[in-house]
Amino acid sequence: MTIKIHIEKLVLDGLPVQSHDGPELRKAMAKELVRLLAEGGLSPELVGGGAYPDVPAGNANISGKNATKVGREIARAVYGRIGK
């Protein structure tokens, strides 16, 4: 199965990372999201295809200032909305 995820815009308000951390954060988020989808799969609502106009992650548990760690935590919050 091939899963394609397109994130047009990611709004990160109040996070303890700097703009120059963006590439590292995006890479960590993508890597973790791929891992989570490979291990846990996609929600039944999306298995046949579909799209969400937005995916509010809610109150993600973001801790620390490390862009890699923050990226992984964001991916987990997103997966919580699109995964099994």
C-alpha atoms as a PDB file:
ATOM      1  CA  MET A   1       0.000   0.000   0.000  1.00  0.00           C
ATOM      2  CA  THR A   2       1.228   3.469  -0.836  1.00  0.00           C
ATOM      3  CA  ILE A   3       0.268   6.342   1.409  1.00  0.00           C
ATOM      4  CA  LYS A   4       0.762   9.911   0.243  1.00  0.00           C
ATOM      5  CA  ILE A   5       0.486  12.710   2.748  1.00  0.00           C
ATOM      6  CA  HIS A   6       0.550  16.317   1.671  1.00  0.00           C
ATOM      7  CA  ILE A   7       0.908  18.934   4.371  1.00  0.00           C
ATOM      8  CA  GLU A   8       0.311  22.279   2.737  1.00  0.00           C
ATOM      9  CA  LYS A   9       0.750  24.363   5.841  1.00  0.00           C
ATOM     10  CA  LEU A  10       1.915  23.564   9.344  1.00  0.00           C
ATOM     11  CA  VAL A  11       1.090  26.178  11.970  1.00  0.00           C
ATOM     12  CA  LEU A  12       3.258  25.962  15.073  1.00  0.00           C
ATOM     13  CA  ASP A  13       2.307  28.630  17.581  1.00  0.00           C
ATOM     14  CA  GLY A  14       4.322  29.116  20.729  1.00  0.00           C
ATOM     15  CA  LEU A  15       6.852  26.344  20.177  1.00  0.00           C
ATOM     16  CA  PRO A  16      10.345  26.605  21.639  1.00  0.00           C
ATOM     17  CA  VAL A  17      12.133  26.316  18.275  1.00  0.00           C
ATOM     18  CA  GLN A  18      13.660  28.920  15.988  1.00  0.00           C
ATOM     19  CA  SER A  19      12.928  29.428  12.293  1.00  0.00           C
ATOM     20  CA  HIS A  20      16.371  28.073  11.361  1.00  0.00           C
ATOM     21  CA  ASP A  21      15.325  24.786  13.010  1.00  0.00           C
ATOM     22  CA  GLY A  22      12.622  24.285  10.367  1.00  0.00           C
ATOM     23  CA  PRO A  23      14.445  21.805   8.114  1.00  0.00           C
ATOM     24  CA  GLU A  24      15.495  19.616  11.065  1.00  0.00           C
ATOM     25  CA  LEU A  25      11.980  19.727  12.525  1.00  0.00           C
ATOM     26  CA  ARG A  26      10.361  18.819   9.185  1.00  0.00           C
ATOM     27  CA  LYS A  27      12.779  15.932   8.630  1.00  0.00           C
ATOM     28  CA  ALA A  28      12.151  14.517  12.117  1.00  0.00           C
ATOM     29  CA  MET A  29       8.400  14.909  11.736  1.00  0.00           C
ATOM     30  CA  ALA A  30       8.337  13.140   8.369  1.00  0.00           C
ATOM     31  CA  LYS A  31      10.556  10.298   9.573  1.00  0.00           C
ATOM     32  CA  GLU A  32       8.437   9.705  12.677  1.00  0.00           C
ATOM     33  CA  LEU A  33       5.167   9.896  10.741  1.00  0.00           C
ATOM     34  CA  VAL A  34       6.450   7.298   8.262  1.00  0.00           C
ATOM     35  CA  ARG A  35       7.487   5.045  11.157  1.00  0.00           C
ATOM     36  CA  LEU A  36       4.134   5.380  12.912  1.00  0.00           C
ATOM     37  CA  LEU A  37       2.143   4.710   9.746  1.00  0.00           C
ATOM     38  CA  ALA A  38       4.300   1.679   8.918  1.00  0.00           C
ATOM     39  CA  GLU A  39       3.816   0.229  12.402  1.00  0.00           C
ATOM     40  CA  GLY A  40       0.230   1.198  13.135  1.00  0.00           C
ATOM     41  CA  GLY A  41      -1.427   1.910   9.831  1.00  0.00           C
ATOM     42  CA  LEU A  42      -3.925   4.471   8.686  1.00  0.00           C
ATOM     43  CA  SER A  43      -7.349   5.080  10.174  1.00  0.00           C
ATOM     44  CA  PRO A  44     -10.121   3.029   8.549  1.00  0.00           C
ATOM     45  CA  GLU A  45     -11.771   6.259   7.366  1.00  0.00           C
ATOM     46  CA  LEU A  46      -8.738   7.072   5.202  1.00  0.00           C
ATOM     47  CA  VAL A  47      -7.691   3.615   3.989  1.00  0.00           C
ATOM     48  CA  GLY A  48      -9.774   3.896   0.824  1.00  0.00           C
ATOM     49  CA  GLY A  49      -8.512   7.408   0.160  1.00  0.00           C
ATOM     50  CA  GLY A  50      -9.610  10.770   1.306  1.00  0.00           C
ATOM     51  CA  ALA A  51      -8.508  14.076   2.653  1.00  0.00           C
ATOM     52  CA  TYR A  52      -8.951  16.260   5.679  1.00  0.00           C
ATOM     53  CA  PRO A  53      -9.045  20.026   5.128  1.00  0.00           C
ATOM     54  CA  ASP A  54      -7.278  20.393   8.453  1.00  0.00           C
ATOM     55  CA  VAL A  55      -5.969  18.118  11.152  1.00  0.00           C
ATOM     56  CA  PRO A  56      -5.917  19.900  14.488  1.00  0.00           C
ATOM     57  CA  ALA A  57      -3.393  18.139  16.666  1.00  0.00           C
ATOM     58  CA  GLY A  58      -4.949  19.439  19.843  1.00  0.00           C
ATOM     59  CA  ASN A  59      -2.723  19.783  22.847  1.00  0.00           C
ATOM     60  CA  ALA A  60       0.409  18.005  21.746  1.00  0.00           C
ATOM     61  CA  ASN A  61       2.857  17.141  24.501  1.00  0.00           C
ATOM     62  CA  ILE A  62       5.753  19.314  23.317  1.00  0.00           C
ATOM     63  CA  SER A  63       8.701  19.450  25.656  1.00  0.00           C
ATOM     64  CA  GLY A  64      12.227  20.718  25.272  1.00  0.00           C
ATOM     65  CA  LYS A  65      13.826  22.891  22.634  1.00  0.00           C
ATOM     66  CA  ASN A  66      15.382  20.204  20.462  1.00  0.00           C
ATOM     67  CA  ALA A  67      13.945  20.485  16.934  1.00  0.00           C
ATOM     68  CA  THR A  68      14.242  16.736  16.319  1.00  0.00           C
ATOM     69  CA  LYS A  69      12.333  15.891  19.488  1.00  0.00           C
ATOM     70  CA  VAL A  70       9.697  18.546  18.776  1.00  0.00           C
ATOM     71  CA  GLY A  71       9.277  17.194  15.223  1.00  0.00           C
ATOM     72  CA  ARG A  72       8.707  13.671  16.540  1.00  0.00           C
ATOM     73  CA  GLU A  73       6.169  14.915  19.079  1.00  0.00           C
ATOM     74  CA  ILE A  74       4.268  16.831  16.391  1.00  0.00           C
ATOM     75  CA  ALA A  75       4.215  13.695  14.206  1.00  0.00           C
ATOM     76  CA  ARG A  76       2.743  11.700  17.086  1.00  0.00           C
ATOM     77  CA  ALA A  77       0.028  14.309  17.566  1.00  0.00           C
ATOM     78  CA  VAL A  78      -0.815  14.253  13.841  1.00  0.00           C
ATOM     79  CA  TYR A  79      -0.775  10.456  13.784  1.00  0.00           C
ATOM     80  CA  GLY A  80      -3.201  10.490  16.695  1.00  0.00           C
ATOM     81  CA  ARG A  81      -5.714  12.069  14.298  1.00  0.00           C
ATOM     82  CA  ILE A  82      -5.013  10.041  11.137  1.00  0.00           C
ATOM     83  CA  GLY A  83      -3.742   6.691  12.412  1.00  0.00           C
ATOM     84  CA  LYS A  84      -5.413   3.597  13.829  1.00  0.00           C
END
